[in-house]
N, C-alpha and C. Protein backbone atom coordinates (compact mmCIF):
# COMPACT_ATOMS: atom_id res chain seq x y z
N MET A 1 87.66 3.94 132.13
CA MET A 1 88.88 4.70 132.31
C MET A 1 89.07 5.63 131.11
N MET A 2 89.53 6.82 131.36
CA MET A 2 89.76 7.79 130.30
C MET A 2 90.95 7.40 129.43
N LYS A 3 90.89 7.75 128.16
CA LYS A 3 92.03 7.55 127.26
C LYS A 3 92.95 8.76 127.42
N ILE A 4 94.14 8.54 127.98
CA ILE A 4 95.07 9.63 128.24
C ILE A 4 96.20 9.55 127.23
N THR A 5 96.42 10.67 126.54
CA THR A 5 97.49 10.75 125.55
C THR A 5 98.42 11.90 125.92
N LYS A 6 99.52 11.98 125.20
CA LYS A 6 100.46 13.09 125.43
C LYS A 6 99.78 14.43 125.13
N ASP A 7 98.86 14.43 124.17
CA ASP A 7 98.21 15.67 123.75
C ASP A 7 97.19 16.19 124.76
N ASN A 8 96.51 15.28 125.49
CA ASN A 8 95.46 15.75 126.39
C ASN A 8 95.78 15.58 127.87
N ALA A 9 96.97 15.09 128.20
CA ALA A 9 97.29 14.75 129.59
C ALA A 9 97.19 15.93 130.54
N TYR A 10 97.71 17.08 130.14
CA TYR A 10 97.70 18.24 131.04
C TYR A 10 96.26 18.68 131.35
N GLU A 11 95.41 18.72 130.33
CA GLU A 11 94.01 19.10 130.54
C GLU A 11 93.29 18.07 131.40
N VAL A 12 93.59 16.80 131.20
CA VAL A 12 92.99 15.74 132.01
C VAL A 12 93.38 15.90 133.48
N VAL A 13 94.65 16.18 133.72
CA VAL A 13 95.12 16.37 135.11
C VAL A 13 94.36 17.52 135.76
N GLN A 14 94.24 18.63 135.07
CA GLN A 14 93.53 19.78 135.64
C GLN A 14 92.08 19.45 135.95
N GLU A 15 91.40 18.80 135.03
CA GLU A 15 90.00 18.45 135.24
C GLU A 15 89.84 17.44 136.37
N LEU A 16 90.69 16.45 136.40
CA LEU A 16 90.59 15.43 137.44
C LEU A 16 90.90 15.97 138.82
N GLU A 17 91.87 16.86 138.91
CA GLU A 17 92.16 17.47 140.21
C GLU A 17 90.95 18.24 140.71
N HIS A 18 90.25 18.91 139.81
CA HIS A 18 89.04 19.65 140.19
C HIS A 18 87.96 18.67 140.65
N GLN A 19 87.74 17.59 139.88
CA GLN A 19 86.70 16.61 140.22
C GLN A 19 87.04 15.80 141.47
N ALA A 20 88.33 15.56 141.69
CA ALA A 20 88.76 14.72 142.81
C ALA A 20 88.44 15.32 144.16
N LYS A 21 88.18 16.63 144.20
CA LYS A 21 87.82 17.27 145.46
C LYS A 21 86.55 16.66 146.04
N THR A 22 85.70 16.10 145.17
CA THR A 22 84.45 15.49 145.63
C THR A 22 84.37 13.99 145.34
N SER A 23 85.39 13.43 144.66
CA SER A 23 85.33 12.01 144.30
C SER A 23 86.70 11.35 144.43
N PRO A 24 86.96 10.69 145.55
CA PRO A 24 88.26 10.04 145.72
C PRO A 24 88.47 8.84 144.78
N ALA A 25 87.43 8.39 144.10
CA ALA A 25 87.54 7.25 143.18
C ALA A 25 88.38 7.58 141.95
N LEU A 26 88.72 8.84 141.75
CA LEU A 26 89.49 9.25 140.57
C LEU A 26 91.00 9.18 140.79
N ALA A 27 91.44 8.64 141.89
CA ALA A 27 92.87 8.61 142.21
C ALA A 27 93.70 7.91 141.13
N ASP A 28 93.22 6.79 140.61
CA ASP A 28 93.96 6.07 139.56
C ASP A 28 94.07 6.90 138.28
N GLU A 29 92.99 7.57 137.92
CA GLU A 29 92.99 8.41 136.72
C GLU A 29 94.00 9.55 136.89
N ILE A 30 94.00 10.16 138.05
CA ILE A 30 94.91 11.27 138.31
C ILE A 30 96.36 10.79 138.27
N ALA A 31 96.63 9.67 138.93
CA ALA A 31 98.00 9.14 138.95
C ALA A 31 98.48 8.83 137.54
N SER A 32 97.62 8.27 136.71
CA SER A 32 97.99 7.94 135.34
C SER A 32 98.28 9.20 134.54
N ALA A 33 97.44 10.22 134.67
CA ALA A 33 97.64 11.47 133.94
C ALA A 33 98.91 12.17 134.40
N ILE A 34 99.17 12.17 135.69
CA ILE A 34 100.38 12.79 136.21
C ILE A 34 101.62 12.07 135.68
N GLN A 35 101.55 10.75 135.61
CA GLN A 35 102.67 9.97 135.08
C GLN A 35 102.97 10.39 133.64
N VAL A 36 101.93 10.59 132.84
CA VAL A 36 102.12 11.01 131.45
C VAL A 36 102.75 12.39 131.39
N VAL A 37 102.24 13.31 132.21
CA VAL A 37 102.73 14.70 132.18
C VAL A 37 104.16 14.79 132.68
N GLU A 38 104.44 14.20 133.84
CA GLU A 38 105.75 14.36 134.46
C GLU A 38 106.83 13.50 133.84
N HIS A 39 106.47 12.30 133.42
CA HIS A 39 107.49 11.36 132.95
C HIS A 39 107.38 11.05 131.47
N ASN A 40 106.41 11.69 130.81
CA ASN A 40 106.19 11.46 129.39
C ASN A 40 106.05 9.96 129.11
N LYS A 41 105.38 9.26 130.03
CA LYS A 41 105.21 7.81 129.92
C LYS A 41 103.72 7.48 129.91
N LEU A 42 103.30 6.74 128.90
CA LEU A 42 101.91 6.34 128.80
C LEU A 42 101.65 5.09 129.62
N PRO A 43 100.41 4.92 130.09
CA PRO A 43 100.07 3.68 130.79
C PRO A 43 100.25 2.48 129.87
N PRO A 44 100.51 1.29 130.41
CA PRO A 44 100.70 0.12 129.55
C PRO A 44 99.44 -0.17 128.72
N ARG A 45 99.66 -0.70 127.52
CA ARG A 45 98.55 -1.06 126.65
C ARG A 45 97.90 -2.34 127.15
N THR A 46 96.61 -2.45 126.94
CA THR A 46 95.92 -3.69 127.27
C THR A 46 96.09 -4.68 126.12
N THR A 47 95.91 -5.95 126.41
CA THR A 47 95.99 -6.98 125.37
C THR A 47 94.98 -6.69 124.27
N LYS A 48 93.79 -6.26 124.66
CA LYS A 48 92.75 -5.95 123.68
C LYS A 48 93.20 -4.82 122.75
N GLU A 49 93.81 -3.76 123.30
CA GLU A 49 94.29 -2.65 122.47
C GLU A 49 95.33 -3.13 121.47
N VAL A 50 96.25 -3.98 121.92
CA VAL A 50 97.34 -4.45 121.06
C VAL A 50 96.78 -5.28 119.90
N PHE A 51 95.91 -6.24 120.21
CA PHE A 51 95.42 -7.12 119.15
C PHE A 51 94.35 -6.45 118.28
N ASN A 52 93.63 -5.47 118.82
CA ASN A 52 92.73 -4.67 117.97
C ASN A 52 93.54 -3.86 116.97
N TYR A 53 94.65 -3.29 117.42
CA TYR A 53 95.54 -2.55 116.52
C TYR A 53 96.02 -3.47 115.40
N PHE A 54 96.45 -4.67 115.78
CA PHE A 54 96.94 -5.67 114.83
C PHE A 54 95.89 -5.92 113.74
N ALA A 55 94.65 -6.12 114.16
CA ALA A 55 93.56 -6.39 113.20
C ALA A 55 93.19 -5.13 112.41
N ASP A 56 93.06 -4.01 113.08
CA ASP A 56 92.64 -2.77 112.42
C ASP A 56 93.64 -2.30 111.37
N GLN A 57 94.92 -2.55 111.59
CA GLN A 57 95.96 -2.11 110.65
C GLN A 57 96.18 -3.11 109.52
N GLY A 58 95.46 -4.22 109.53
CA GLY A 58 95.64 -5.22 108.48
C GLY A 58 97.00 -5.88 108.54
N LEU A 59 97.46 -6.16 109.76
CA LEU A 59 98.76 -6.79 109.93
C LEU A 59 98.62 -8.31 110.00
N THR A 60 99.70 -8.99 109.71
CA THR A 60 99.76 -10.44 109.83
C THR A 60 101.14 -10.79 110.36
N HIS A 61 101.34 -12.05 110.70
CA HIS A 61 102.64 -12.43 111.24
C HIS A 61 103.09 -13.77 110.66
N ILE A 62 104.39 -13.97 110.70
CA ILE A 62 105.00 -15.23 110.25
C ILE A 62 106.05 -15.61 111.28
N TRP A 63 106.07 -16.89 111.63
CA TRP A 63 107.12 -17.41 112.51
C TRP A 63 108.22 -17.99 111.63
N GLN A 64 109.44 -17.53 111.80
CA GLN A 64 110.58 -18.04 111.03
C GLN A 64 111.37 -19.02 111.90
N SER A 65 111.96 -20.01 111.26
CA SER A 65 112.72 -21.03 111.97
C SER A 65 114.17 -21.05 111.51
N ASP A 66 115.03 -21.54 112.41
CA ASP A 66 116.43 -21.72 112.03
C ASP A 66 116.57 -23.03 111.25
N ILE A 67 117.78 -23.39 110.89
CA ILE A 67 118.03 -24.57 110.07
C ILE A 67 117.59 -25.87 110.74
N ASP A 68 117.53 -25.86 112.08
CA ASP A 68 117.10 -27.04 112.84
C ASP A 68 115.59 -27.10 113.05
N GLY A 69 114.87 -26.10 112.54
CA GLY A 69 113.42 -26.08 112.67
C GLY A 69 112.91 -25.40 113.93
N LYS A 70 113.80 -24.84 114.73
CA LYS A 70 113.39 -24.15 115.95
C LYS A 70 112.95 -22.73 115.60
N VAL A 71 111.73 -22.37 116.01
CA VAL A 71 111.21 -21.02 115.74
C VAL A 71 112.06 -20.02 116.52
N ASN A 72 112.61 -19.04 115.80
CA ASN A 72 113.50 -18.08 116.46
C ASN A 72 113.20 -16.62 116.10
N THR A 73 112.19 -16.40 115.24
CA THR A 73 111.87 -15.04 114.82
C THR A 73 110.37 -14.89 114.59
N CYS A 74 109.83 -13.75 115.04
CA CYS A 74 108.45 -13.37 114.75
C CYS A 74 108.49 -12.16 113.84
N GLU A 75 107.92 -12.30 112.65
CA GLU A 75 107.88 -11.18 111.70
C GLU A 75 106.46 -10.64 111.63
N ILE A 76 106.35 -9.32 111.62
CA ILE A 76 105.07 -8.65 111.44
C ILE A 76 105.07 -8.05 110.04
N HIS A 77 104.01 -8.35 109.29
CA HIS A 77 103.87 -7.88 107.91
C HIS A 77 102.56 -7.11 107.76
N LYS A 78 102.55 -6.17 106.85
CA LYS A 78 101.30 -5.55 106.40
C LYS A 78 100.74 -6.50 105.36
N GLU A 79 99.44 -6.82 105.46
CA GLU A 79 98.85 -7.75 104.50
C GLU A 79 99.11 -7.30 103.07
N GLY A 80 99.56 -8.23 102.24
CA GLY A 80 99.83 -7.94 100.84
C GLY A 80 101.25 -7.50 100.55
N PHE A 81 102.08 -7.37 101.59
CA PHE A 81 103.46 -6.95 101.41
C PHE A 81 104.39 -8.10 101.82
N ILE A 82 105.47 -8.27 101.07
CA ILE A 82 106.41 -9.36 101.33
C ILE A 82 107.38 -9.02 102.44
N ASP A 83 107.93 -7.81 102.40
CA ASP A 83 108.92 -7.42 103.40
C ASP A 83 108.27 -7.18 104.76
N PRO A 84 108.89 -7.67 105.83
CA PRO A 84 108.32 -7.45 107.16
C PRO A 84 108.49 -6.01 107.62
N ILE A 85 107.55 -5.55 108.42
CA ILE A 85 107.68 -4.25 109.08
C ILE A 85 108.73 -4.38 110.18
N VAL A 86 108.67 -5.52 110.87
CA VAL A 86 109.63 -5.78 111.95
C VAL A 86 109.90 -7.28 112.01
N SER A 87 111.10 -7.61 112.40
CA SER A 87 111.53 -9.00 112.58
C SER A 87 112.16 -9.09 113.97
N MET A 88 111.44 -9.73 114.89
CA MET A 88 111.87 -9.78 116.29
C MET A 88 112.35 -11.18 116.66
N PRO A 89 113.51 -11.29 117.30
CA PRO A 89 113.95 -12.60 117.78
C PRO A 89 113.00 -13.10 118.87
N CYS A 90 112.82 -14.41 118.93
CA CYS A 90 111.96 -15.00 119.96
C CYS A 90 112.43 -16.42 120.26
N ASP A 91 111.92 -16.96 121.34
CA ASP A 91 112.23 -18.35 121.74
C ASP A 91 111.00 -19.22 121.54
N GLY A 92 110.61 -19.43 120.30
CA GLY A 92 109.46 -20.26 120.00
C GLY A 92 108.20 -19.44 119.83
N ILE A 93 107.14 -20.13 119.45
CA ILE A 93 105.84 -19.51 119.22
C ILE A 93 105.19 -19.21 120.56
N SER A 94 104.81 -17.95 120.75
CA SER A 94 104.10 -17.58 121.98
C SER A 94 103.33 -16.29 121.77
N THR A 95 102.24 -16.15 122.51
CA THR A 95 101.45 -14.93 122.47
C THR A 95 102.29 -13.75 122.95
N LYS A 96 103.15 -14.01 123.93
CA LYS A 96 104.00 -12.95 124.48
C LYS A 96 104.94 -12.40 123.41
N ALA A 97 105.56 -13.27 122.62
CA ALA A 97 106.47 -12.84 121.56
C ALA A 97 105.72 -12.07 120.48
N LEU A 98 104.52 -12.55 120.12
CA LEU A 98 103.71 -11.87 119.11
C LEU A 98 103.30 -10.49 119.60
N ARG A 99 102.84 -10.41 120.85
CA ARG A 99 102.44 -9.11 121.42
C ARG A 99 103.63 -8.15 121.44
N HIS A 100 104.80 -8.63 121.83
CA HIS A 100 105.99 -7.79 121.89
C HIS A 100 106.31 -7.21 120.51
N ALA A 101 106.20 -8.02 119.48
CA ALA A 101 106.47 -7.56 118.12
C ALA A 101 105.42 -6.54 117.66
N ILE A 102 104.15 -6.78 117.99
CA ILE A 102 103.10 -5.84 117.61
C ILE A 102 103.31 -4.50 118.32
N GLU A 103 103.64 -4.54 119.61
CA GLU A 103 103.86 -3.30 120.35
C GLU A 103 105.07 -2.54 119.80
N TYR A 104 106.05 -3.26 119.33
CA TYR A 104 107.20 -2.60 118.71
C TYR A 104 106.74 -1.82 117.47
N VAL A 105 105.87 -2.43 116.67
CA VAL A 105 105.32 -1.75 115.50
C VAL A 105 104.51 -0.53 115.93
N MET A 106 103.71 -0.67 116.98
CA MET A 106 102.92 0.45 117.48
C MET A 106 103.83 1.61 117.90
N ASP A 107 104.94 1.28 118.54
CA ASP A 107 105.88 2.31 118.99
C ASP A 107 106.59 2.98 117.82
N MET A 108 106.79 2.23 116.72
CA MET A 108 107.45 2.77 115.53
C MET A 108 106.56 3.75 114.77
N GLU A 109 105.27 3.57 114.91
CA GLU A 109 104.32 4.37 114.13
C GLU A 109 104.41 5.84 114.53
N ASP A 110 104.46 6.70 113.55
CA ASP A 110 104.52 8.13 113.87
C ASP A 110 103.11 8.68 114.10
N SER A 111 103.00 9.92 114.44
CA SER A 111 101.71 10.51 114.80
C SER A 111 100.72 10.59 113.63
N ASP A 112 101.18 10.48 112.41
CA ASP A 112 100.29 10.52 111.25
C ASP A 112 99.67 9.15 110.96
N GLY A 113 100.06 8.12 111.68
CA GLY A 113 99.55 6.79 111.43
C GLY A 113 100.28 6.05 110.35
N THR A 114 101.46 6.54 109.96
CA THR A 114 102.26 5.85 108.96
C THR A 114 103.49 5.25 109.62
N PHE A 115 104.01 4.22 109.04
CA PHE A 115 105.17 3.56 109.61
C PHE A 115 106.44 4.32 109.22
N LEU A 116 107.37 4.37 110.14
CA LEU A 116 108.63 5.06 109.90
C LEU A 116 109.47 4.32 108.88
């Protein structure tokens, strides 16, 4: 599947529409590109993309607990830094909560690759 971004979506749509005249297998690619162009919405990230980002950016996480010992917060940190990039409420330790926190960091990142 092609990597579709806000920057290349319009060109991808044009190319795919041209190619689709002879290949109906491109329908998903076209639909995804049109979604980006018309609604400014990117396709959902895969689990692999999210956790590769986590590793590539040198991020780590900490589960925080309340006074009763119940895990209630997932913090994402840049390795070597004390302050969290994000602190997300959660209902216990889960891959879903960790992924949600990582994706929040991904959404916060500006186009230069630096955190806001």
